Amino acid sequence: MAGMDSASGSLGIAIGYAIIVGWVVRALAGSLTGAILTEDAAAFFGNGTGNFGSVPWHVAVIFTAAVILMFGATKGIEKINKILMPSFFVLFAILALRVAFLPGAWEGYKFLFTPHWEDLLKVDTWVMAMGQAFFSLSITGSGMIVYGTYLGKSEDIPKASIRTAFFDTVAAMMAALAIMPAVFAFGIEPNAGPPLMFITLPNIFRQMPMGRLFAVLFFLSVSFAGITSLINMFEAVSESWQNRFKLSRKAAVGLCAGSALLVGIFLEAEPGWAPGWILSQSW
């Protein structure tokens, strides 16, 4: 039963996560056409999060993840990620430098680096920190267990864990240095959730030389990161259903993807659910 509970948890998270990744892919398409930079970023984002505003992208994301799992294209994805993920770090470094010259950026640095020690006495601080660690390092522990079964015995797990924690922290700091100063420069609330990526960053790209290229590279990297994370969740659920119900791999993946899409479509009919969901999970 514990295994089924973990699978259910993974599926539940995947349902909402797929919609968010659909937003990212939509933003990637908007970067390719230039729409996200020429239109008002808030309006572009709002159109995608409205009533059934992102269904085609939502479907495309789930279909892509399912096909990769069914036909074993994960090695190709892994090779692409070896290029895109380091590029992601370089891109954030460039963004952080650009943001530093925005009027009002200093307030963002003060927000980031001014300690409020009294907050350590609040339970919510620790709960939110643990939630951030959970979602940042491993959205589904069950998925990591499944992936762990594919590791060779020669793998050094403690060293891999240290590297994961280190690079996760570096990525978080770089993202904070790129986004938070810009948030204050553009007058957006720092706890605004999704707009930090879908509104603030397009505003930065709009003011940068070759901003359209940087926007494409950024949302392409995030799209791959999101889809590979979704594959993680689907793999955990599918593997569990294969063993529990003696299903074939394609049947288990198809059932998982179909369930996620069916429930997710109903969620798309509820404008406003996702921003609160993301914020509550420290996504």
C-alpha atoms as a PDB file:
ATOM      1  CA  MET A   1       0.000   0.000   0.000  1.00  0.00           C
ATOM      2  CA  ALA A   2       2.894   2.348   0.732  1.00  0.00           C
ATOM      3  CA  GLY A   3       4.074   1.952  -2.853  1.00  0.00           C
ATOM      4  CA  MET A   4       0.620   2.763  -4.180  1.00  0.00           C
ATOM      5  CA  ASP A   5       0.425   5.828  -1.941  1.00  0.00           C
ATOM      6  CA  SER A   6       3.745   7.065  -3.353  1.00  0.00           C
ATOM      7  CA  ALA A   7       2.543   6.441  -6.903  1.00  0.00           C
ATOM      8  CA  SER A   8      -0.691   8.309  -6.203  1.00  0.00           C
ATOM      9  CA  GLY A   9       1.283  11.223  -4.782  1.00  0.00           C
ATOM     10  CA  SER A  10       3.519  11.293  -7.851  1.00  0.00           C
ATOM     11  CA  LEU A  11       0.516  11.247 -10.164  1.00  0.00           C
ATOM     12  CA  GLY A  12      -1.201  14.003  -8.204  1.00  0.00           C
ATOM     13  CA  ILE A  13       1.827  16.269  -8.495  1.00  0.00           C
ATOM     14  CA  ALA A  14       2.313  15.358 -12.172  1.00  0.00           C
ATOM     15  CA  ILE A  15      -1.254  16.453 -12.975  1.00  0.00           C
ATOM     16  CA  GLY A  16      -0.637  20.019 -11.868  1.00  0.00           C
ATOM     17  CA  TYR A  17       2.981  20.071 -12.961  1.00  0.00           C
ATOM     18  CA  ALA A  18       2.070  19.180 -16.562  1.00  0.00           C
ATOM     19  CA  ILE A  19      -0.107  22.282 -16.813  1.00  0.00           C
ATOM     20  CA  ILE A  20       2.736  24.497 -15.582  1.00  0.00           C
ATOM     21  CA  VAL A  21       5.174  22.959 -18.064  1.00  0.00           C
ATOM     22  CA  GLY A  22       2.550  23.652 -20.736  1.00  0.00           C
ATOM     23  CA  TRP A  23       2.776  27.334 -19.787  1.00  0.00           C
ATOM     24  CA  VAL A  24       6.548  27.164 -20.214  1.00  0.00           C
ATOM     25  CA  VAL A  25       6.258  25.569 -23.671  1.00  0.00           C
ATOM     26  CA  ARG A  26       3.709  28.217 -24.635  1.00  0.00           C
ATOM     27  CA  ALA A  27       6.207  30.874 -23.504  1.00  0.00           C
ATOM     28  CA  LEU A  28       8.865  29.149 -25.632  1.00  0.00           C
ATOM     29  CA  ALA A  29       6.563  29.394 -28.657  1.00  0.00           C
ATOM     30  CA  GLY A  30       5.939  33.041 -27.801  1.00  0.00           C
ATOM     31  CA  SER A  31       9.701  33.605 -27.685  1.00  0.00           C
ATOM     32  CA  LEU A  32      10.161  32.007 -31.102  1.00  0.00           C
ATOM     33  CA  THR A  33       7.480  34.213 -32.653  1.00  0.00           C
ATOM     34  CA  GLY A  34       8.479  37.241 -30.588  1.00  0.00           C
ATOM     35  CA  ALA A  35       4.961  37.608 -29.164  1.00  0.00           C
ATOM     36  CA  ILE A  36       6.084  37.362 -25.541  1.00  0.00           C
ATOM     37  CA  LEU A  37       8.413  40.340 -26.090  1.00  0.00           C
ATOM     38  CA  THR A  38       6.171  42.514 -28.247  1.00  0.00           C
ATOM     39  CA  GLU A  39       2.929  42.006 -26.310  1.00  0.00           C
ATOM     40  CA  ASP A  40       2.347  42.975 -22.708  1.00  0.00           C
ATOM     41  CA  ALA A  41       3.965  40.131 -20.714  1.00  0.00           C
ATOM     42  CA  ALA A  42       1.226  40.127 -18.069  1.00  0.00           C
ATOM     43  CA  ALA A  43      -1.487  39.884 -20.722  1.00  0.00           C
ATOM     44  CA  PHE A  44       0.372  37.102 -22.534  1.00  0.00           C
ATOM     45  CA  PHE A  45       0.665  35.152 -19.290  1.00  0.00           C
ATOM     46  CA  GLY A  46      -2.955  35.828 -18.325  1.00  0.00           C
ATOM     47  CA  ASN A  47      -4.261  34.519 -21.648  1.00  0.00           C
ATOM     48  CA  GLY A  48      -2.490  31.217 -21.051  1.00  0.00           C
ATOM     49  CA  THR A  49      -3.741  30.743 -17.510  1.00  0.00           C
ATOM     50  CA  GLY A  50      -7.357  31.607 -18.220  1.00  0.00           C
ATOM     51  CA  ASN A  51     -10.231  29.202 -18.786  1.00  0.00           C
ATOM     52  CA  PHE A  52      -8.756  26.394 -20.969  1.00  0.00           C
ATOM     53  CA  GLY A  53      -6.089  28.890 -22.031  1.00  0.00           C
ATOM     54  CA  SER A  54      -3.242  26.433 -22.505  1.00  0.00           C
ATOM     55  CA  VAL A  55      -4.828  23.113 -23.479  1.00  0.00           C
ATOM     56  CA  PRO A  56      -2.826  22.466 -26.710  1.00  0.00           C
ATOM     57  CA  TRP A  57       0.474  23.031 -24.891  1.00  0.00           C
ATOM     58  CA  HIS A  58      -0.705  20.937 -21.952  1.00  0.00           C
ATOM     59  CA  VAL A  59      -1.569  18.062 -24.309  1.00  0.00           C
ATOM     60  CA  ALA A  60       1.750  18.415 -26.160  1.00  0.00           C
ATOM     61  CA  VAL A  61       3.744  18.186 -22.927  1.00  0.00           C
ATOM     62  CA  ILE A  62       1.984  15.033 -21.689  1.00  0.00           C
ATOM     63  CA  PHE A  63       2.146  13.431 -25.145  1.00  0.00           C
ATOM     64  CA  THR A  64       5.891  14.146 -25.407  1.00  0.00           C
ATOM     65  CA  ALA A  65       6.627  12.690 -21.968  1.00  0.00           C
ATOM     66  CA  ALA A  66       4.534   9.586 -22.721  1.00  0.00           C
ATOM     67  CA  VAL A  67       6.180   8.961 -26.108  1.00  0.00           C
ATOM     68  CA  ILE A  68       9.664   9.293 -24.613  1.00  0.00           C
ATOM     69  CA  LEU A  69       8.814   6.742 -21.922  1.00  0.00           C
ATOM     70  CA  MET A  70       7.085   4.347 -24.328  1.00  0.00           C
ATOM     71  CA  PHE A  71       9.791   4.305 -26.970  1.00  0.00           C
ATOM     72  CA  GLY A  72      12.913   4.739 -24.874  1.00  0.00           C
ATOM     73  CA  ALA A  73      14.125   8.061 -26.210  1.00  0.00           C
ATOM     74  CA  THR A  74      15.488   9.018 -22.778  1.00  0.00           C
ATOM     75  CA  LYS A  75      19.136   8.694 -23.889  1.00  0.00           C
ATOM     76  CA  GLY A  76      18.617  11.362 -26.527  1.00  0.00           C
ATOM     77  CA  ILE A  77      16.994  13.641 -23.968  1.00  0.00           C
ATOM     78  CA  GLU A  78      19.919  13.035 -21.613  1.00  0.00           C
ATOM     79  CA  LYS A  79      22.420  14.073 -24.302  1.00  0.00           C
ATOM     80  CA  ILE A  80      20.486  17.246 -25.067  1.00  0.00           C
ATOM     81  CA  ASN A  81      20.244  18.090 -21.356  1.00  0.00           C
ATOM     82  CA  LYS A  82      24.032  17.826 -21.048  1.00  0.00           C
ATOM     83  CA  ILE A  83      24.175  20.859 -23.332  1.00  0.00           C
ATOM     84  CA  LEU A  84      21.078  22.745 -22.217  1.00  0.00           C
ATOM     85  CA  MET A  85      21.544  22.538 -18.450  1.00  0.00           C
ATOM     86  CA  PRO A  86      25.074  24.042 -18.398  1.00  0.00           C
ATOM     87  CA  SER A  87      23.779  26.655 -20.855  1.00  0.00           C
ATOM     88  CA  PHE A  88      21.040  27.397 -18.334  1.00  0.00           C
ATOM     89  CA  PHE A  89      23.678  28.334 -15.732  1.00  0.00           C
ATOM     90  CA  VAL A  90      25.540  30.555 -18.203  1.00  0.00           C
ATOM     91  CA  LEU A  91      22.296  32.246 -19.223  1.00  0.00           C
ATOM     92  CA  PHE A  92      21.366  33.054 -15.623  1.00  0.00           C
ATOM     93  CA  ALA A  93      24.855  34.492 -15.048  1.00  0.00           C
ATOM     94  CA  ILE A  94      24.339  36.827 -18.018  1.00  0.00           C
ATOM     95  CA  LEU A  95      20.860  37.780 -16.777  1.00  0.00           C
ATOM     96  CA  ALA A  96      22.208  38.487 -13.282  1.00  0.00           C
ATOM     97  CA  LEU A  97      24.782  40.887 -14.744  1.00  0.00           C
ATOM     98  CA  ARG A  98      22.167  42.651 -16.870  1.00  0.00           C
ATOM     99  CA  VAL A  99      19.717  42.971 -13.992  1.00  0.00           C
ATOM    100  CA  ALA A 100      22.340  44.573 -11.768  1.00  0.00           C
ATOM    101  CA  PHE A 101      22.154  47.745 -13.904  1.00  0.00           C
ATOM    102  CA  LEU A 102      18.372  48.159 -13.696  1.00  0.00           C
ATOM    103  CA  PRO A 103      17.133  51.171 -11.680  1.00  0.00           C
ATOM    104  CA  GLY A 104      15.855  49.940  -8.323  1.00  0.00           C
ATOM    105  CA  ALA A 105      17.730  46.634  -8.466  1.00  0.00           C
ATOM    106  CA  TRP A 106      19.529  47.446  -5.210  1.00  0.00           C
ATOM    107  CA  GLU A 107      16.281  46.972  -3.280  1.00  0.00           C
ATOM    108  CA  GLY A 108      16.197  43.397  -4.549  1.00  0.00           C
ATOM    109  CA  TYR A 109      19.677  42.698  -3.218  1.00  0.00           C
ATOM    110  CA  LYS A 110      18.675  44.151   0.152  1.00  0.00           C
ATOM    111  CA  PHE A 111      15.588  41.919   0.156  1.00  0.00           C
ATOM    112  CA  LEU A 112      17.726  38.848  -0.586  1.00  0.00           C
ATOM    113  CA  PHE A 113      20.617  39.420   1.765  1.00  0.00           C
ATOM    114  CA  THR A 114      19.186  41.301   4.741  1.00  0.00           C
ATOM    115  CA  PRO A 115      18.602  38.658   7.443  1.00  0.00           C
ATOM    116  CA  HIS A 116      15.443  38.676   9.550  1.00  0.00           C
ATOM    117  CA  TRP A 117      16.524  36.425  12.395  1.00  0.00           C
ATOM    118  CA  GLU A 118      13.163  36.612  14.126  1.00  0.00           C
ATOM    119  CA  ASP A 119      11.633  34.621  11.257  1.00  0.00           C
ATOM    120  CA  LEU A 120      13.640  31.586  12.369  1.00  0.00           C
ATOM    121  CA  LEU A 121      11.279  31.329  15.325  1.00  0.00           C
ATOM    122  CA  LYS A 122       8.255  30.970  13.027  1.00  0.00           C
ATOM    123  CA  VAL A 123       7.036  27.485  12.168  1.00  0.00           C
ATOM    124  CA  ASP A 124       5.988  28.609   8.682  1.00  0.00           C
ATOM    125  CA  THR A 125       9.596  29.511   7.840  1.00  0.00           C
ATOM    126  CA  TRP A 126      10.768  25.954   8.449  1.00  0.00           C
ATOM    127  CA  VAL A 127       7.776  24.392   6.721  1.00  0.00           C
ATOM    128  CA  MET A 128       8.316  26.531   3.622  1.00  0.00           C
ATOM    129  CA  ALA A 129      12.059  25.800   3.650  1.00  0.00           C
ATOM    130  CA  MET A 130      11.422  22.051   3.817  1.00  0.00           C
ATOM    131  CA  GLY A 131       8.850  22.358   1.040  1.00  0.00           C
ATOM    132  CA  GLN A 132      11.353  24.216  -1.115  1.00  0.00           C
ATOM    133  CA  ALA A 133      14.021  21.560  -0.465  1.00  0.00           C
ATOM    134  CA  PHE A 134      11.560  18.788  -1.298  1.00  0.00           C
ATOM    135  CA  PHE A 135      10.381  20.313  -4.555  1.00  0.00           C
ATOM    136  CA  SER A 136      13.814  21.566  -5.573  1.00  0.00           C
ATOM    137  CA  LEU A 137      15.899  18.460  -4.892  1.00  0.00           C
ATOM    138  CA  SER A 138      13.362  15.753  -5.629  1.00  0.00           C
ATOM    139  CA  ILE A 139       9.778  16.440  -6.577  1.00  0.00           C
ATOM    140  CA  THR A 140       8.954  12.797  -5.975  1.00  0.00           C
ATOM    141  CA  GLY A 141      11.073  10.598  -3.772  1.00  0.00           C
ATOM    142  CA  SER A 142       9.428   7.599  -5.383  1.00  0.00           C
ATOM    143  CA  GLY A 143      10.769   8.726  -8.747  1.00  0.00           C
ATOM    144  CA  MET A 144      14.289   8.896  -7.388  1.00  0.00           C
ATOM    145  CA  ILE A 145      13.920   5.378  -5.986  1.00  0.00           C
ATOM    146  CA  VAL A 146      12.841   4.112  -9.401  1.00  0.00           C
ATOM    147  CA  TYR A 147      15.756   5.864 -11.092  1.00  0.00           C
ATOM    148  CA  GLY A 148      18.057   4.438  -8.438  1.00  0.00           C
ATOM    149  CA  THR A 149      17.300   0.920  -9.613  1.00  0.00           C
ATOM    150  CA  TYR A 150      19.036   1.741 -12.900  1.00  0.00           C
ATOM    151  CA  LEU A 151      22.282   2.873 -11.256  1.00  0.00           C
ATOM    152  CA  GLY A 152      25.341   0.653 -11.432  1.00  0.00           C
ATOM    153  CA  LYS A 153      26.849  -0.652  -8.205  1.00  0.00           C
ATOM    154  CA  SER A 154      29.984   1.391  -8.883  1.00  0.00           C
ATOM    155  CA  GLU A 155      28.109   4.697  -8.487  1.00  0.00           C
ATOM    156  CA  ASP A 156      29.164   6.756  -5.454  1.00  0.00           C
ATOM    157  CA  ILE A 157      25.781   7.836  -4.068  1.00  0.00           C
ATOM    158  CA  PRO A 158      27.080  10.053  -1.201  1.00  0.00           C
ATOM    159  CA  LYS A 159      29.258  12.040  -3.638  1.00  0.00           C
ATOM    160  CA  ALA A 160      26.379  12.314  -6.110  1.00  0.00           C
ATOM    161  CA  SER A 161      24.156  13.591  -3.288  1.00  0.00           C
ATOM    162  CA  ILE A 162      26.702  16.254  -2.334  1.00  0.00           C
ATOM    163  CA  ARG A 163      27.055  17.382  -5.944  1.00  0.00           C
ATOM    164  CA  THR A 164      23.265  17.538  -6.298  1.00  0.00           C
ATOM    165  CA  ALA A 165      22.872  19.693  -3.189  1.00  0.00           C
ATOM    166  CA  PHE A 166      25.742  21.977  -4.238  1.00  0.00           C
ATOM    167  CA  PHE A 167      24.571  22.612  -7.790  1.00  0.00           C
ATOM    168  CA  ASP A 168      20.966  22.960  -6.652  1.00  0.00           C
ATOM    169  CA  THR A 169      22.032  25.704  -4.239  1.00  0.00           C
ATOM    170  CA  VAL A 170      24.156  27.435  -6.906  1.00  0.00           C
ATOM    171  CA  ALA A 171      21.225  27.319  -9.347  1.00  0.00           C
ATOM    172  CA  ALA A 172      18.858  28.756  -6.738  1.00  0.00           C
ATOM    173  CA  MET A 173      21.242  31.619  -5.933  1.00  0.00           C
ATOM    174  CA  MET A 174      21.801  32.445  -9.587  1.00  0.00           C
ATOM    175  CA  ALA A 175      18.067  32.424 -10.233  1.00  0.00           C
ATOM    176  CA  ALA A 176      17.513  34.686  -7.222  1.00  0.00           C
ATOM    177  CA  LEU A 177      20.201  37.126  -8.395  1.00  0.00           C
ATOM    178  CA  ALA A 178      18.648  37.233 -11.859  1.00  0.00           C
ATOM    179  CA  ILE A 179      15.020  37.547 -10.786  1.00  0.00           C
ATOM    180  CA  MET A 180      14.648  39.287  -7.410  1.00  0.00           C
ATOM    181  CA  PRO A 181      16.451  42.571  -8.275  1.00  0.00           C
ATOM    182  CA  ALA A 182      14.346  42.748 -11.446  1.00  0.00           C
ATOM    183  CA  VAL A 183      11.194  42.171  -9.403  1.00  0.00           C
ATOM    184  CA  PHE A 184      11.855  45.341  -7.421  1.00  0.00           C
ATOM    185  CA  ALA A 185      13.002  47.223 -10.520  1.00  0.00           C
ATOM    186  CA  PHE A 186       9.668  46.494 -12.243  1.00  0.00           C
ATOM    187  CA  GLY A 187       7.551  46.967  -9.099  1.00  0.00           C
ATOM    188  CA  ILE A 188       6.282  43.366  -8.840  1.00  0.00           C
ATOM    189  CA  GLU A 189       5.509  41.785  -5.482  1.00  0.00           C
ATOM    190  CA  PRO A 190       8.339  39.380  -4.486  1.00  0.00           C
ATOM    191  CA  ASN A 191       5.808  36.689  -3.511  1.00  0.00           C
ATOM    192  CA  ALA A 192       3.961  36.940  -6.826  1.00  0.00           C
ATOM    193  CA  GLY A 193       4.654  33.315  -7.785  1.00  0.00           C
ATOM    194  CA  PRO A 194       4.497  32.486 -11.529  1.00  0.00           C
ATOM    195  CA  PRO A 195       4.859  36.116 -12.705  1.00  0.00           C
ATOM    196  CA  LEU A 196       8.442  36.040 -11.454  1.00  0.00           C
ATOM    197  CA  MET A 197       9.308  33.866 -14.455  1.00  0.00           C
ATOM    198  CA  PHE A 198       6.546  34.552 -16.964  1.00  0.00           C
ATOM    199  CA  ILE A 199       6.336  38.346 -16.596  1.00  0.00           C
ATOM    200  CA  THR A 200       9.547  39.650 -15.006  1.00  0.00           C
ATOM    201  CA  LEU A 201      12.011  37.776 -17.205  1.00  0.00           C
ATOM    202  CA  PRO A 202      10.303  38.685 -20.513  1.00  0.00           C
ATOM    203  CA  ASN A 203      10.535  42.321 -19.387  1.00  0.00           C
ATOM    204  CA  ILE A 204      14.283  41.845 -18.880  1.00  0.00           C
ATOM    205  CA  PHE A 205      14.737  40.099 -22.225  1.00  0.00           C
ATOM    206  CA  ARG A 206      12.887  42.947 -23.933  1.00  0.00           C
ATOM    207  CA  GLN A 207      15.549  45.390 -22.749  1.00  0.00           C
ATOM    208  CA  MET A 208      18.550  43.205 -23.630  1.00  0.00           C
ATOM    209  CA  PRO A 209      20.531  43.066 -26.880  1.00  0.00           C
ATOM    210  CA  MET A 210      19.561  39.798 -28.631  1.00  0.00           C
ATOM    211  CA  GLY A 211      16.771  39.489 -26.066  1.00  0.00           C
ATOM    212  CA  ARG A 212      14.674  37.252 -28.305  1.00  0.00           C
ATOM    213  CA  LEU A 213      17.529  34.747 -28.611  1.00  0.00           C
ATOM    214  CA  PHE A 214      18.062  34.731 -24.855  1.00  0.00           C
ATOM    215  CA  ALA A 215      14.323  34.261 -24.293  1.00  0.00           C
ATOM    216  CA  VAL A 216      14.270  31.255 -26.640  1.00  0.00           C
ATOM    217  CA  LEU A 217      17.295  29.674 -24.939  1.00  0.00           C
ATOM    218  CA  PHE A 218      15.855  30.287 -21.488  1.00  0.00           C
ATOM    219  CA  PHE A 219      12.400  28.844 -22.108  1.00  0.00           C
ATOM    220  CA  LEU A 220      13.889  25.973 -24.149  1.00  0.00           C
ATOM    221  CA  SER A 221      16.072  25.013 -21.172  1.00  0.00           C
ATOM    222  CA  VAL A 222      13.158  25.291 -18.735  1.00  0.00           C
ATOM    223  CA  SER A 223      10.971  23.227 -21.077  1.00  0.00           C
ATOM    224  CA  PHE A 224      13.488  20.394 -21.144  1.00  0.00           C
ATOM    225  CA  ALA A 225      13.960  20.578 -17.389  1.00  0.00           C
ATOM    226  CA  GLY A 226      10.190  20.482 -16.878  1.00  0.00           C
ATOM    227  CA  ILE A 227       9.552  17.616 -19.277  1.00  0.00           C
ATOM    228  CA  THR A 228      12.369  15.505 -17.800  1.00  0.00           C
ATOM    229  CA  SER A 229      10.902  16.101 -14.330  1.00  0.00           C
ATOM    230  CA  LEU A 230       7.478  15.044 -15.622  1.00  0.00           C
ATOM    231  CA  ILE A 231       9.077  11.904 -17.079  1.00  0.00           C
ATOM    232  CA  ASN A 232      10.417  11.199 -13.578  1.00  0.00           C
ATOM    233  CA  MET A 233       6.905  11.329 -12.127  1.00  0.00           C
ATOM    234  CA  PHE A 234       5.322   9.277 -14.900  1.00  0.00           C
ATOM    235  CA  GLU A 235       8.086   6.678 -14.610  1.00  0.00           C
ATOM    236  CA  ALA A 236       7.429   6.253 -10.883  1.00  0.00           C
ATOM    237  CA  VAL A 237       3.695   5.771 -11.439  1.00  0.00           C
ATOM    238  CA  SER A 238       4.061   3.543 -14.506  1.00  0.00           C
ATOM    239  CA  GLU A 239       6.653   1.307 -12.872  1.00  0.00           C
ATOM    240  CA  SER A 240       4.389   0.867  -9.853  1.00  0.00           C
ATOM    241  CA  TRP A 241       1.351   0.017 -12.000  1.00  0.00           C
ATOM    242  CA  GLN A 242       3.363  -2.397 -14.134  1.00  0.00           C
ATOM    243  CA  ASN A 243       4.346  -4.398 -11.076  1.00  0.00           C
ATOM    244  CA  ARG A 244       1.057  -4.069  -9.224  1.00  0.00           C
ATOM    245  CA  PHE A 245      -1.381  -4.755 -12.069  1.00  0.00           C
ATOM    246  CA  LYS A 246       0.887  -6.748 -14.445  1.00  0.00           C
ATOM    247  CA  LEU A 247       0.450  -4.196 -17.215  1.00  0.00           C
ATOM    248  CA  SER A 248       2.730  -3.805 -20.226  1.00  0.00           C
ATOM    249  CA  ARG A 249       4.981  -0.745 -20.182  1.00  0.00           C
ATOM    250  CA  LYS A 250       3.074   1.033 -22.962  1.00  0.00           C
ATOM    251  CA  ALA A 251      -0.272   0.327 -21.304  1.00  0.00           C
ATOM    252  CA  ALA A 252       0.945   1.607 -17.923  1.00  0.00           C
ATOM    253  CA  VAL A 253       2.441   4.761 -19.430  1.00  0.00           C
ATOM    254  CA  GLY A 254      -0.659   5.367 -21.555  1.00  0.00           C
ATOM    255  CA  LEU A 255      -2.962   4.958 -18.564  1.00  0.00           C
ATOM    256  CA  CYS A 256      -0.798   7.279 -16.457  1.00  0.00           C
ATOM    257  CA  ALA A 257      -0.605   9.964 -19.149  1.00  0.00           C
ATOM    258  CA  GLY A 258      -4.310   9.677 -19.939  1.00  0.00           C
ATOM    259  CA  SER A 259      -5.269  10.016 -16.272  1.00  0.00           C
ATOM    260  CA  ALA A 260      -3.040  13.065 -15.841  1.00  0.00           C
ATOM    261  CA  LEU A 261      -4.500  14.718 -18.919  1.00  0.00           C
ATOM    262  CA  LEU A 262      -8.126  13.930 -18.062  1.00  0.00           C
ATOM    263  CA  VAL A 263      -7.906  15.425 -14.577  1.00  0.00           C
ATOM    264  CA  GLY A 264      -5.649  18.257 -15.735  1.00  0.00           C
ATOM    265  CA  ILE A 265      -8.157  19.388 -18.362  1.00  0.00           C
ATOM    266  CA  PHE A 266     -10.739  19.903 -15.617  1.00  0.00           C
ATOM    267  CA  LEU A 267      -8.206  21.939 -13.631  1.00  0.00           C
ATOM    268  CA  GLU A 268      -7.660  24.156 -16.659  1.00  0.00           C
ATOM    269  CA  ALA A 269     -11.295  25.152 -16.304  1.00  0.00           C
ATOM    270  CA  GLU A 270     -10.531  26.639 -12.880  1.00  0.00           C
ATOM    271  CA  PRO A 271      -8.658  29.933 -13.474  1.00  0.00           C
ATOM    272  CA  GLY A 272      -6.508  30.926 -10.522  1.00  0.00           C
ATOM    273  CA  TRP A 273      -5.930  27.419  -9.110  1.00  0.00           C
ATOM    274  CA  ALA A 274      -2.344  27.095 -10.308  1.00  0.00           C
ATOM    275  CA  PRO A 275      -0.717  30.284  -8.993  1.00  0.00           C
ATOM    276  CA  GLY A 276      -1.916  29.474  -5.491  1.00  0.00           C
ATOM    277  CA  TRP A 277      -0.905  25.827  -5.874  1.00  0.00           C
ATOM    278  CA  ILE A 278       2.603  26.763  -7.035  1.00  0.00           C
ATOM    279  CA  LEU A 279       3.050  29.345  -4.314  1.00  0.00           C
ATOM    280  CA  SER A 280       1.871  26.957  -1.608  1.00  0.00           C
ATOM    281  CA  GLN A 281       4.365  24.337  -2.803  1.00  0.00           C
ATOM    282  CA  SER A 282       7.259  26.842  -3.104  1.00  0.00           C
ATOM    283  CA  TRP A 283       7.610  25.855  -6.758  1.00  0.00           C
END
